[in-house]
Each structure stands twice: as C-alpha cells, then as structure tokens.
Amino acid sequence: MRPLSRFRPIIHLPKSRYATGTGSRRNPHADWYAQILPAMLPVALLGSTVYITLHLLQTHLSTERHAEEDKATIDALQRQLDALREQQNIAPATSQTANPSSPPKLRHWSFF
C-alpha cells in the first residue's frame, strides 16, 4: 500500500485573487469594504441608539401633554356637570313652592 504523502490532490483550487501575499493586488472595492464598513458599524449603532432614545422621549412627552390636556378637559366638564345638577336641584324646588297642590309626575319608561 502506498503512503498517504504520495497522493496528489485531484482538484487543484486556484489561489484567490484577493489573497494577501507577495505579488497580489487587492480590489479597491474590497479595500473599501474591509476598511470603511467595520469602522462605520459603531457609528451606525450609536446613531440608531440616539434616534430610538429621542423618539421614545418625544413619545413620552407627547403622551404626558395629551394626558394633562385631557385632565383639564375632564375637570372643566365635571364643573359644568356640577353646575347643571345644581340648576336641576334648584329648579324643581322653586316649581314645587310655586304650585304645591299638584302631585309630582311619575315617569315610566315603556318598551311596548
């Protein structure tokens, strides 16, 4: 049997033209991707982080502002409702004192 060192490979792969070694010249595009892109990754990560943070802050402040506006609207409507209830309580009292002989009308809701 023959020793393994005597076997020759059947497939001979050509050397890559991008291989670093003596006499090989790299493609300018490959140089750009190899040098610039790795340096841009931290910048892109930082930019994305800043953008997301500012967007979340803007959303939080917008929600807070709308909540304050809604609370002010609710308070105004509550005061208006209280004033209307007072007017309703005063109006029946004055009508009863003006005409005490008439019995109060009973209201029934009929669905038929």
PDB file of N, CA and C in Angstrom:
ATOM      1  N   MET A   1       0.829  -1.169   0.000  1.00  0.00           N
ATOM      2  CA  MET A   1       0.000   0.000   0.000  1.00  0.00           C
ATOM      3  C   MET A   1       0.883   1.245   0.000  1.00  0.00           C
ATOM      4  N   ARG A   2       0.427   2.280  -0.676  1.00  0.00           N
ATOM      5  CA  ARG A   2       1.218   3.493  -0.814  1.00  0.00           C
ATOM      6  C   ARG A   2       0.986   4.421   0.377  1.00  0.00           C
ATOM      7  N   PRO A   3       2.024   5.104   0.809  1.00  0.00           N
ATOM      8  CA  PRO A   3       1.817   6.051   1.918  1.00  0.00           C
ATOM      9  C   PRO A   3       0.977   7.246   1.454  1.00  0.00           C
ATOM     10  N   LEU A   4       0.286   7.878   2.399  1.00  0.00           N
ATOM     11  CA  LEU A   4      -0.625   8.973   2.078  1.00  0.00           C
ATOM     12  C   LEU A   4       0.093  10.198   1.525  1.00  0.00           C
ATOM     13  N   SER A   5       1.328  10.379   1.854  1.00  0.00           N
ATOM     14  CA  SER A   5       2.042  11.560   1.386  1.00  0.00           C
ATOM     15  C   SER A   5       2.271  11.529  -0.116  1.00  0.00           C
ATOM     16  N   ARG A   6       2.146  10.415  -0.723  1.00  0.00           N
ATOM     17  CA  ARG A   6       2.376  10.317  -2.152  1.00  0.00           C
ATOM     18  C   ARG A   6       1.140  10.657  -2.974  1.00  0.00           C
ATOM     19  N   PHE A   7      -0.038  10.684  -2.328  1.00  0.00           N
ATOM     20  CA  PHE A   7      -1.241  11.009  -3.072  1.00  0.00           C
ATOM     21  C   PHE A   7      -1.267  12.483  -3.435  1.00  0.00           C
ATOM     22  N   ARG A   8      -1.652  12.746  -4.624  1.00  0.00           N
ATOM     23  CA  ARG A   8      -1.789  14.127  -5.066  1.00  0.00           C
ATOM     24  C   ARG A   8      -3.275  14.491  -5.014  1.00  0.00           C
ATOM     25  N   PRO A   9      -3.569  15.728  -4.711  1.00  0.00           N
ATOM     26  CA  PRO A   9      -4.983  16.109  -4.699  1.00  0.00           C
ATOM     27  C   PRO A   9      -5.544  16.069  -6.117  1.00  0.00           C
ATOM     28  N   ILE A  10      -6.759  15.628  -6.227  1.00  0.00           N
ATOM     29  CA  ILE A  10      -7.394  15.514  -7.534  1.00  0.00           C
ATOM     30  C   ILE A  10      -7.803  16.891  -8.036  1.00  0.00           C
ATOM     31  N   ILE A  11      -8.341  17.728  -7.153  1.00  0.00           N
ATOM     32  CA  ILE A  11      -8.816  19.053  -7.534  1.00  0.00           C
ATOM     33  C   ILE A  11      -7.790  20.073  -7.094  1.00  0.00           C
ATOM     34  N   HIS A  12      -7.365  20.880  -8.033  1.00  0.00           N
ATOM     35  CA  HIS A  12      -6.451  21.967  -7.713  1.00  0.00           C
ATOM     36  C   HIS A  12      -7.238  23.263  -7.729  1.00  0.00           C
ATOM     37  N   LEU A  13      -7.395  23.878  -6.566  1.00  0.00           N
ATOM     38  CA  LEU A  13      -8.119  25.146  -6.473  1.00  0.00           C
ATOM     39  C   LEU A  13      -7.168  26.286  -6.763  1.00  0.00           C
ATOM     40  N   PRO A  14      -7.567  27.215  -7.627  1.00  0.00           N
ATOM     41  CA  PRO A  14      -6.690  28.354  -7.891  1.00  0.00           C
ATOM     42  C   PRO A  14      -6.635  29.263  -6.675  1.00  0.00           C
ATOM     43  N   LYS A  15      -5.521  29.941  -6.528  1.00  0.00           N
ATOM     44  CA  LYS A  15      -5.398  30.881  -5.423  1.00  0.00           C
ATOM     45  C   LYS A  15      -6.339  32.047  -5.652  1.00  0.00           C
ATOM     46  N   SER A  16      -6.890  32.522  -4.599  1.00  0.00           N
ATOM     47  CA  SER A  16      -7.815  33.648  -4.702  1.00  0.00           C
ATOM     48  C   SER A  16      -7.055  34.891  -5.131  1.00  0.00           C
ATOM     49  N   ARG A  17      -7.690  35.693  -5.950  1.00  0.00           N
ATOM     50  CA  ARG A  17      -7.013  36.918  -6.383  1.00  0.00           C
ATOM     51  C   ARG A  17      -7.011  37.969  -5.277  1.00  0.00           C
ATOM     52  N   TYR A  18      -7.814  37.729  -4.220  1.00  0.00           N
ATOM     53  CA  TYR A  18      -7.835  38.652  -3.087  1.00  0.00           C
ATOM     54  C   TYR A  18      -6.908  38.203  -1.973  1.00  0.00           C
ATOM     55  N   ALA A  19      -6.208  37.158  -2.189  1.00  0.00           N
ATOM     56  CA  ALA A  19      -5.321  36.653  -1.144  1.00  0.00           C
ATOM     57  C   ALA A  19      -4.209  37.654  -0.870  1.00  0.00           C
ATOM     58  N   THR A  20      -3.878  37.764   0.378  1.00  0.00           N
ATOM     59  CA  THR A  20      -2.791  38.673   0.746  1.00  0.00           C
ATOM     60  C   THR A  20      -1.494  37.908   0.656  1.00  0.00           C
ATOM     61  N   GLY A  21      -0.627  38.424  -0.050  1.00  0.00           N
ATOM     62  CA  GLY A  21       0.672  37.783  -0.215  1.00  0.00           C
ATOM     63  C   GLY A  21       1.509  38.644  -1.146  1.00  0.00           C
ATOM     64  N   THR A  22       2.640  38.203  -1.427  1.00  0.00           N
ATOM     65  CA  THR A  22       3.510  38.972  -2.314  1.00  0.00           C
ATOM     66  C   THR A  22       3.001  38.861  -3.730  1.00  0.00           C
ATOM     67  N   GLY A  23       2.954  39.975  -4.381  1.00  0.00           N
ATOM     68  CA  GLY A  23       2.582  39.994  -5.774  1.00  0.00           C
ATOM     69  C   GLY A  23       1.082  40.046  -6.024  1.00  0.00           C
ATOM     70  N   SER A  24       0.254  39.966  -5.013  1.00  0.00           N
ATOM     71  CA  SER A  24      -1.186  40.036  -5.255  1.00  0.00           C
ATOM     72  C   SER A  24      -1.677  41.455  -4.970  1.00  0.00           C
ATOM     73  N   ARG A  25      -2.592  41.923  -5.782  1.00  0.00           N
ATOM     74  CA  ARG A  25      -3.131  43.279  -5.640  1.00  0.00           C
ATOM     75  C   ARG A  25      -4.620  43.166  -5.313  1.00  0.00           C
ATOM     76  N   ARG A  26      -5.055  43.870  -4.254  1.00  0.00           N
ATOM     77  CA  ARG A  26      -6.454  43.793  -3.832  1.00  0.00           C
ATOM     78  C   ARG A  26      -7.311  44.738  -4.653  1.00  0.00           C
ATOM     79  N   ASN A  27      -8.522  44.365  -4.805  1.00  0.00           N
ATOM     80  CA  ASN A  27      -9.513  45.164  -5.489  1.00  0.00           C
ATOM     81  C   ASN A  27      -9.812  46.409  -4.641  1.00  0.00           C
ATOM     82  N   PRO A  28      -9.955  47.602  -5.229  1.00  0.00           N
ATOM     83  CA  PRO A  28     -10.258  48.798  -4.441  1.00  0.00           C
ATOM     84  C   PRO A  28     -11.590  48.699  -3.703  1.00  0.00           C
ATOM     85  N   HIS A  29     -12.561  48.033  -4.311  1.00  0.00           N
ATOM     86  CA  HIS A  29     -13.850  47.860  -3.626  1.00  0.00           C
ATOM     87  C   HIS A  29     -13.692  46.977  -2.397  1.00  0.00           C
ATOM     88  N   ALA A  30     -12.896  45.956  -2.528  1.00  0.00           N
ATOM     89  CA  ALA A  30     -12.658  45.074  -1.387  1.00  0.00           C
ATOM     90  C   ALA A  30     -11.936  45.831  -0.277  1.00  0.00           C
ATOM     91  N   ASP A  31     -11.000  46.702  -0.658  1.00  0.00           N
ATOM     92  CA  ASP A  31     -10.323  47.525   0.354  1.00  0.00           C
ATOM     93  C   ASP A  31     -11.317  48.435   1.064  1.00  0.00           C
ATOM     94  N   TRP A  32     -12.204  49.054   0.287  1.00  0.00           N
ATOM     95  CA  TRP A  32     -13.190  49.965   0.893  1.00  0.00           C
ATOM     96  C   TRP A  32     -14.076  49.218   1.877  1.00  0.00           C
ATOM     97  N   TYR A  33     -14.598  48.066   1.459  1.00  0.00           N
ATOM     98  CA  TYR A  33     -15.447  47.287   2.353  1.00  0.00           C
ATOM     99  C   TYR A  33     -14.678  46.796   3.571  1.00  0.00           C
ATOM    100  N   ALA A  34     -13.431  46.449   3.397  1.00  0.00           N
ATOM    101  CA  ALA A  34     -12.640  45.911   4.505  1.00  0.00           C
ATOM    102  C   ALA A  34     -12.227  46.994   5.497  1.00  0.00           C
ATOM    103  N   GLN A  35     -12.063  48.233   5.043  1.00  0.00           N
ATOM    104  CA  GLN A  35     -11.586  49.286   5.930  1.00  0.00           C
ATOM    105  C   GLN A  35     -12.705  50.196   6.441  1.00  0.00           C
ATOM    106  N   ILE A  36     -13.607  50.602   5.585  1.00  0.00           N
ATOM    107  CA  ILE A  36     -14.605  51.594   5.956  1.00  0.00           C
ATOM    108  C   ILE A  36     -15.799  50.983   6.691  1.00  0.00           C
ATOM    109  N   LEU A  37     -16.326  49.893   6.183  1.00  0.00           N
ATOM    110  CA  LEU A  37     -17.522  49.317   6.800  1.00  0.00           C
ATOM    111  C   LEU A  37     -17.325  48.907   8.256  1.00  0.00           C
ATOM    112  N   PRO A  38     -16.254  48.239   8.636  1.00  0.00           N
ATOM    113  CA  PRO A  38     -16.101  47.912  10.052  1.00  0.00           C
ATOM    114  C   PRO A  38     -16.017  49.160  10.941  1.00  0.00           C
ATOM    115  N   ALA A  39     -15.470  50.226  10.404  1.00  0.00           N
ATOM    116  CA  ALA A  39     -15.392  51.464  11.187  1.00  0.00           C
ATOM    117  C   ALA A  39     -16.755  52.140  11.288  1.00  0.00           C
ATOM    118  N   MET A  40     -17.641  51.898  10.335  1.00  0.00           N
ATOM    119  CA  MET A  40     -18.954  52.529  10.339  1.00  0.00           C
ATOM    120  C   MET A  40     -19.961  51.813  11.240  1.00  0.00           C
ATOM    121  N   LEU A  41     -19.710  50.588  11.608  1.00  0.00           N
ATOM    122  CA  LEU A  41     -20.649  49.853  12.445  1.00  0.00           C
ATOM    123  C   LEU A  41     -20.892  50.527  13.795  1.00  0.00           C
ATOM    124  N   PRO A  42     -19.858  50.945  14.529  1.00  0.00           N
ATOM    125  CA  PRO A  42     -20.133  51.629  15.798  1.00  0.00           C
ATOM    126  C   PRO A  42     -20.885  52.946  15.598  1.00  0.00           C
ATOM    127  N   VAL A  43     -20.592  53.654  14.505  1.00  0.00           N
ATOM    128  CA  VAL A  43     -21.288  54.913  14.231  1.00  0.00           C
ATOM    129  C   VAL A  43     -22.766  54.642  13.957  1.00  0.00           C
ATOM    130  N   ALA A  44     -23.059  53.620  13.177  1.00  0.00           N
ATOM    131  CA  ALA A  44     -24.448  53.272  12.879  1.00  0.00           C
ATOM    132  C   ALA A  44     -25.173  52.820  14.145  1.00  0.00           C
ATOM    133  N   LEU A  45     -24.512  52.056  14.980  1.00  0.00           N
ATOM    134  CA  LEU A  45     -25.110  51.601  16.232  1.00  0.00           C
ATOM    135  C   LEU A  45     -25.403  52.778  17.150  1.00  0.00           C
ATOM    136  N   LEU A  46     -24.456  53.691  17.285  1.00  0.00           N
ATOM    137  CA  LEU A  46     -24.654  54.871  18.123  1.00  0.00           C
ATOM    138  C   LEU A  46     -25.770  55.747  17.569  1.00  0.00           C
ATOM    139  N   GLY A  47     -25.793  55.953  16.263  1.00  0.00           N
ATOM    140  CA  GLY A  47     -26.851  56.761  15.651  1.00  0.00           C
ATOM    141  C   GLY A  47     -28.224  56.154  15.862  1.00  0.00           C
ATOM    142  N   SER A  48     -28.332  54.848  15.712  1.00  0.00           N
ATOM    143  CA  SER A  48     -29.615  54.179  15.934  1.00  0.00           C
ATOM    144  C   SER A  48     -30.054  54.297  17.381  1.00  0.00           C
ATOM    145  N   THR A  49     -29.110  54.160  18.297  1.00  0.00           N
ATOM    146  CA  THR A  49     -29.435  54.275  19.720  1.00  0.00           C
ATOM    147  C   THR A  49     -29.930  55.676  20.055  1.00  0.00           C
ATOM    148  N   VAL A  50     -29.257  56.685  19.552  1.00  0.00           N
ATOM    149  CA  VAL A  50     -29.670  58.067  19.808  1.00  0.00           C
ATOM    150  C   VAL A  50     -31.045  58.330  19.205  1.00  0.00           C
ATOM    151  N   TYR A  51     -31.282  57.860  17.989  1.00  0.00           N
ATOM    152  CA  TYR A  51     -32.571  58.073  17.327  1.00  0.00           C
ATOM    153  C   TYR A  51     -33.697  57.428  18.114  1.00  0.00           C
ATOM    154  N   ILE A  52     -33.510  56.176  18.513  1.00  0.00           N
ATOM    155  CA  ILE A  52     -34.562  55.472  19.257  1.00  0.00           C
ATOM    156  C   ILE A  52     -34.816  56.143  20.596  1.00  0.00           C
ATOM    157  N   THR A  53     -33.758  56.583  21.276  1.00  0.00           N
ATOM    158  CA  THR A  53     -33.917  57.260  22.561  1.00  0.00           C
ATOM    159  C   THR A  53     -34.698  58.554  22.396  1.00  0.00           C
ATOM    160  N   LEU A  54     -34.356  59.356  21.407  1.00  0.00           N
ATOM    161  CA  LEU A  54     -35.072  60.613  21.187  1.00  0.00           C
ATOM    162  C   LEU A  54     -36.522  60.359  20.775  1.00  0.00           C
ATOM    163  N   HIS A  55     -36.747  59.336  19.996  1.00  0.00           N
ATOM    164  CA  HIS A  55     -38.111  59.017  19.591  1.00  0.00           C
ATOM    165  C   HIS A  55     -38.947  58.599  20.804  1.00  0.00           C
ATOM    166  N   LEU A  56     -38.399  57.771  21.673  1.00  0.00           N
ATOM    167  CA  LEU A  56     -39.112  57.360  22.882  1.00  0.00           C
ATOM    168  C   LEU A  56     -39.373  58.541  23.800  1.00  0.00           C
ATOM    169  N   LEU A  57     -38.412  59.443  23.934  1.00  0.00           N
ATOM    170  CA  LEU A  57     -38.589  60.634  24.760  1.00  0.00           C
ATOM    171  C   LEU A  57     -39.702  61.516  24.195  1.00  0.00           C
ATOM    172  N   GLN A  58     -39.714  61.718  22.878  1.00  0.00           N
ATOM    173  CA  GLN A  58     -40.752  62.530  22.253  1.00  0.00           C
ATOM    174  C   GLN A  58     -42.131  61.890  22.455  1.00  0.00           C
ATOM    175  N   THR A  59     -42.216  60.580  22.322  1.00  0.00           N
ATOM    176  CA  THR A  59     -43.491  59.884  22.524  1.00  0.00           C
ATOM    177  C   THR A  59     -43.961  60.025  23.963  1.00  0.00           C
ATOM    178  N   HIS A  60     -43.046  59.889  24.916  1.00  0.00           N
ATOM    179  CA  HIS A  60     -43.399  60.018  26.327  1.00  0.00           C
ATOM    180  C   HIS A  60     -43.904  61.427  26.642  1.00  0.00           C
ATOM    181  N   LEU A  61     -43.197  62.447  26.160  1.00  0.00           N
ATOM    182  CA  LEU A  61     -43.607  63.823  26.430  1.00  0.00           C
ATOM    183  C   LEU A  61     -44.927  64.147  25.741  1.00  0.00           C
ATOM    184  N   SER A  62     -45.137  63.627  24.544  1.00  0.00           N
ATOM    185  CA  SER A  62     -46.395  63.862  23.838  1.00  0.00           C
ATOM    186  C   SER A  62     -47.557  63.226  24.598  1.00  0.00           C
ATOM    187  N   THR A  63     -47.351  62.022  25.078  1.00  0.00           N
ATOM    188  CA  THR A  63     -48.390  61.339  25.847  1.00  0.00           C
ATOM    189  C   THR A  63     -48.697  62.094  27.127  1.00  0.00           C
ATOM    190  N   GLU A  64     -47.658  62.578  27.785  1.00  0.00           N
ATOM    191  CA  GLU A  64     -47.840  63.348  29.014  1.00  0.00           C
ATOM    192  C   GLU A  64     -48.641  64.619  28.756  1.00  0.00           C
ATOM    193  N   ARG A  65     -48.321  65.325  27.663  1.00  0.00           N
ATOM    194  CA  ARG A  65     -49.023  66.562  27.335  1.00  0.00           C
ATOM    195  C   ARG A  65     -50.496  66.287  27.049  1.00  0.00           C
ATOM    196  N   HIS A  66     -50.760  65.220  26.287  1.00  0.00           N
ATOM    197  CA  HIS A  66     -52.153  64.890  25.993  1.00  0.00           C
ATOM    198  C   HIS A  66     -52.899  64.483  27.260  1.00  0.00           C
ATOM    199  N   ALA A  67     -52.233  63.810  28.171  1.00  0.00           N
ATOM    200  CA  ALA A  67     -52.874  63.419  29.428  1.00  0.00           C
ATOM    201  C   ALA A  67     -53.242  64.661  30.249  1.00  0.00           C
ATOM    202  N   GLU A  68     -52.350  65.653  30.282  1.00  0.00           N
ATOM    203  CA  GLU A  68     -52.655  66.886  31.009  1.00  0.00           C
ATOM    204  C   GLU A  68     -53.816  67.640  30.359  1.00  0.00           C
ATOM    205  N   GLU A  69     -53.843  67.691  29.022  1.00  0.00           N
ATOM    206  CA  GLU A  69     -54.945  68.360  28.325  1.00  0.00           C
ATOM    207  C   GLU A  69     -56.261  67.632  28.586  1.00  0.00           C
ATOM    208  N   ASP A  70     -56.221  66.302  28.557  1.00  0.00           N
ATOM    209  CA  ASP A  70     -57.433  65.527  28.811  1.00  0.00           C
ATOM    210  C   ASP A  70     -57.916  65.721  30.237  1.00  0.00           C
ATOM    211  N   LYS A  71     -56.996  65.805  31.191  1.00  0.00           N
ATOM    212  CA  LYS A  71     -57.380  66.029  32.589  1.00  0.00           C
ATOM    213  C   LYS A  71     -58.033  67.395  32.743  1.00  0.00           C
ATOM    214  N   ALA A  72     -57.495  68.407  32.071  1.00  0.00           N
ATOM    215  CA  ALA A  72     -58.092  69.743  32.141  1.00  0.00           C
ATOM    216  C   ALA A  72     -59.489  69.735  31.523  1.00  0.00           C
ATOM    217  N   THR A  73     -59.673  69.035  30.426  1.00  0.00           N
ATOM    218  CA  THR A  73     -60.992  68.936  29.794  1.00  0.00           C
ATOM    219  C   THR A  73     -61.977  68.214  30.708  1.00  0.00           C
ATOM    220  N   ILE A  74     -61.520  67.147  31.331  1.00  0.00           N
ATOM    221  CA  ILE A  74     -62.389  66.397  32.249  1.00  0.00           C
ATOM    222  C   ILE A  74     -62.786  67.267  33.429  1.00  0.00           C
ATOM    223  N   ASP A  75     -61.848  68.021  33.984  1.00  0.00           N
ATOM    224  CA  ASP A  75     -62.167  68.911  35.105  1.00  0.00           C
ATOM    225  C   ASP A  75     -63.191  69.968  34.702  1.00  0.00           C
ATOM    226  N   ALA A  76     -63.035  70.553  33.506  1.00  0.00           N
ATOM    227  CA  ALA A  76     -63.989  71.560  33.032  1.00  0.00           C
ATOM    228  C   ALA A  76     -65.378  70.949  32.849  1.00  0.00           C
ATOM    229  N   LEU A  77     -65.440  69.746  32.278  1.00  0.00           N
ATOM    230  CA  LEU A  77     -66.729  69.072  32.097  1.00  0.00           C
ATOM    231  C   LEU A  77     -67.353  68.696  33.436  1.00  0.00           C
ATOM    232  N   GLN A  78     -66.526  68.322  34.398  1.00  0.00           N
ATOM    233  CA  GLN A  78     -67.041  67.983  35.729  1.00  0.00           C
ATOM    234  C   GLN A  78     -67.650  69.210  36.394  1.00  0.00           C
ATOM    235  N   ARG A  79     -66.966  70.364  36.266  1.00  0.00           N
ATOM    236  CA  ARG A  79     -67.526  71.599  36.832  1.00  0.00           C
ATOM    237  C   ARG A  79     -68.839  71.960  36.139  1.00  0.00           C
ATOM    238  N   GLN A  80     -68.900  71.794  34.824  1.00  0.00           N
ATOM    239  CA  GLN A  80     -70.124  72.084  34.080  1.00  0.00           C
ATOM    240  C   GLN A  80     -71.253  71.154  34.508  1.00  0.00           C
ATOM    241  N   LEU A  81     -70.939  69.870  34.719  1.00  0.00           N
ATOM    242  CA  LEU A  81     -71.934  68.908  35.164  1.00  0.00           C
ATOM    243  C   LEU A  81     -72.449  69.244  36.553  1.00  0.00           C
ATOM    244  N   ASP A  82     -71.542  69.646  37.451  1.00  0.00           N
ATOM    245  CA  ASP A  82     -71.961  70.040  38.804  1.00  0.00           C
ATOM    246  C   ASP A  82     -72.886  71.255  38.753  1.00  0.00           C
ATOM    247  N   ALA A  83     -72.573  72.238  37.893  1.00  0.00           N
ATOM    248  CA  ALA A  83     -73.426  73.424  37.771  1.00  0.00           C
ATOM    249  C   ALA A  83     -74.796  73.049  37.234  1.00  0.00           C
ATOM    250  N   LEU A  84     -74.866  72.160  36.261  1.00  0.00           N
ATOM    251  CA  LEU A  84     -76.155  71.726  35.721  1.00  0.00           C
ATOM    252  C   LEU A  84     -76.957  70.951  36.758  1.00  0.00           C
ATOM    253  N   ARG A  85     -76.296  70.137  37.555  1.00  0.00           N
ATOM    254  CA  ARG A  85     -77.012  69.404  38.610  1.00  0.00           C
ATOM    255  C   ARG A  85     -77.565  70.364  39.656  1.00  0.00           C
ATOM    256  N   GLU A  86     -76.799  71.392  39.986  1.00  0.00           N
ATOM    257  CA  GLU A  86     -77.303  72.391  40.934  1.00  0.00           C
ATOM    258  C   GLU A  86     -78.521  73.101  40.368  1.00  0.00           C
ATOM    259  N   GLN A  87     -78.478  73.445  39.083  1.00  0.00           N
ATOM    260  CA  GLN A  87     -79.634  74.101  38.459  1.00  0.00           C
ATOM    261  C   GLN A  87     -80.853  73.182  38.464  1.00  0.00           C
ATOM    262  N   GLN A  88     -80.652  71.888  38.237  1.00  0.00           N
ATOM    263  CA  GLN A  88     -81.775  70.957  38.260  1.00  0.00           C
ATOM    264  C   GLN A  88     -82.346  70.828  39.665  1.00  0.00           C
ATOM    265  N   ASN A  89     -81.486  70.841  40.674  1.00  0.00           N
ATOM    266  CA  ASN A  89     -81.964  70.745  42.053  1.00  0.00           C
ATOM    267  C   ASN A  89     -82.693  72.009  42.470  1.00  0.00           C
ATOM    268  N   ILE A  90     -82.263  73.162  42.003  1.00  0.00           N
ATOM    269  CA  ILE A  90     -82.911  74.428  42.354  1.00  0.00           C
ATOM    270  C   ILE A  90     -84.228  74.570  41.602  1.00  0.00           C
ATOM    271  N   ALA A  91     -84.278  74.180  40.326  1.00  0.00           N
ATOM    272  CA  ALA A  91     -85.481  74.348  39.508  1.00  0.00           C
ATOM    273  C   ALA A  91     -86.675  73.567  40.053  1.00  0.00           C
ATOM    274  N   PRO A  92     -86.585  72.306  40.431  1.00  0.00           N
ATOM    275  CA  PRO A  92     -87.755  71.607  40.978  1.00  0.00           C
ATOM    276  C   PRO A  92     -88.183  72.192  42.319  1.00  0.00           C
ATOM    277  N   ALA A  93     -87.248  72.656  43.098  1.00  0.00           N
ATOM    278  CA  ALA A  93     -87.613  73.232  44.394  1.00  0.00           C
ATOM    279  C   ALA A  93     -88.427  74.499  44.198  1.00  0.00           C
ATOM    280  N   THR A  94     -88.086  75.348  43.249  1.00  0.00           N
ATOM    281  CA  THR A  94     -88.839  76.573  43.007  1.00  0.00           C
ATOM    282  C   THR A  94     -90.179  76.264  42.373  1.00  0.00           C
ATOM    283  N   SER A  95     -90.267  75.245  41.507  1.00  0.00           N
ATOM    284  CA  SER A  95     -91.558  74.914  40.897  1.00  0.00           C
ATOM    285  C   SER A  95     -92.495  74.275  41.917  1.00  0.00           C
ATOM    286  N   GLN A  96     -91.999  73.545  42.871  1.00  0.00           N
ATOM    287  CA  GLN A  96     -92.844  72.936  43.900  1.00  0.00           C
ATOM    288  C   GLN A  96     -93.380  73.984  44.859  1.00  0.00           C
ATOM    289  N   THR A  97     -92.579  74.982  45.159  1.00  0.00           N
ATOM    290  CA  THR A  97     -93.060  76.033  46.056  1.00  0.00           C
ATOM    291  C   THR A  97     -94.079  76.917  45.354  1.00  0.00           C
ATOM    292  N   ALA A  98     -93.999  77.046  44.041  1.00  0.00           N
ATOM    293  CA  ALA A  98     -94.949  77.880  43.317  1.00  0.00           C
ATOM    294  C   ALA A  98     -96.287  77.166  43.167  1.00  0.00           C
ATOM    295  N   ASN A  99     -96.325  75.891  43.003  1.00  0.00           N
ATOM    296  CA  ASN A  99     -97.553  75.132  42.792  1.00  0.00           C
ATOM    297  C   ASN A  99     -97.530  73.883  43.660  1.00  0.00           C
ATOM    298  N   PRO A 100     -97.762  74.029  44.976  1.00  0.00           N
ATOM    299  CA  PRO A 100     -97.641  72.881  45.876  1.00  0.00           C
ATOM    300  C   PRO A 100     -98.799  71.893  45.771  1.00  0.00           C
ATOM    301  N   SER A 101     -99.922  72.255  45.161  1.00  0.00           N
ATOM    302  CA  SER A 101    -101.085  71.367  45.131  1.00  0.00           C
ATOM    303  C   SER A 101    -100.975  70.270  44.075  1.00  0.00           C
ATOM    304  N   SER A 102    -100.164  70.471  43.049  1.00  0.00           N
ATOM    305  CA  SER A 102    -100.074  69.446  42.001  1.00  0.00           C
ATOM    306  C   SER A 102     -99.102  68.340  42.437  1.00  0.00           C
ATOM    307  N   PRO A 103     -99.502  67.093  42.280  1.00  0.00           N
ATOM    308  CA  PRO A 103     -98.605  65.992  42.667  1.00  0.00           C
ATOM    309  C   PRO A 103     -97.469  65.854  41.645  1.00  0.00           C
ATOM    310  N   PRO A 104     -96.347  65.353  42.078  1.00  0.00           N
ATOM    311  CA  PRO A 104     -95.248  65.177  41.137  1.00  0.00           C
ATOM    312  C   PRO A 104     -95.611  64.124  40.082  1.00  0.00           C
ATOM    313  N   LYS A 105     -95.179  64.354  38.868  1.00  0.00           N
ATOM    314  CA  LYS A 105     -95.476  63.429  37.782  1.00  0.00           C
ATOM    315  C   LYS A 105     -94.525  62.235  37.859  1.00  0.00           C
ATOM    316  N   LEU A 106     -95.070  61.081  37.694  1.00  0.00           N
ATOM    317  CA  LEU A 106     -94.263  59.863  37.671  1.00  0.00           C
ATOM    318  C   LEU A 106     -93.933  59.535  36.219  1.00  0.00           C
ATOM    319  N   ARG A 107     -92.728  59.263  35.987  1.00  0.00           N
ATOM    320  CA  ARG A 107     -92.283  58.933  34.627  1.00  0.00           C
ATOM    321  C   ARG A 107     -91.979  57.457  34.554  1.00  0.00           C
ATOM    322  N   HIS A 108     -92.574  56.819  33.587  1.00  0.00           N
ATOM    323  CA  HIS A 108     -92.331  55.403  33.371  1.00  0.00           C
ATOM    324  C   HIS A 108     -91.833  55.211  31.967  1.00  0.00           C
ATOM    325  N   TRP A 109     -90.851  54.388  31.835  1.00  0.00           N
ATOM    326  CA  TRP A 109     -90.363  54.060  30.520  1.00  0.00           C
ATOM    327  C   TRP A 109     -91.024  52.761  30.091  1.00  0.00           C
ATOM    328  N   SER A 110     -91.675  52.823  28.989  1.00  0.00           N
ATOM    329  CA  SER A 110     -92.363  51.649  28.478  1.00  0.00           C
ATOM    330  C   SER A 110     -91.689  51.196  27.202  1.00  0.00           C
ATOM    331  N   PHE A 111     -91.476  49.924  27.110  1.00  0.00           N
ATOM    332  CA  PHE A 111     -90.845  49.373  25.921  1.00  0.00           C
ATOM    333  C   PHE A 111     -91.871  48.767  24.967  1.00  0.00           C
ATOM    334  N   PHE A 112     -93.162  48.895  25.306  1.00  0.00           N
ATOM    335  CA  PHE A 112     -94.218  48.318  24.452  1.00  0.00           C
ATOM    336  C   PHE A 112     -95.046  49.398  23.847  1.00  0.00           C
TER     337      PHE A 112
END
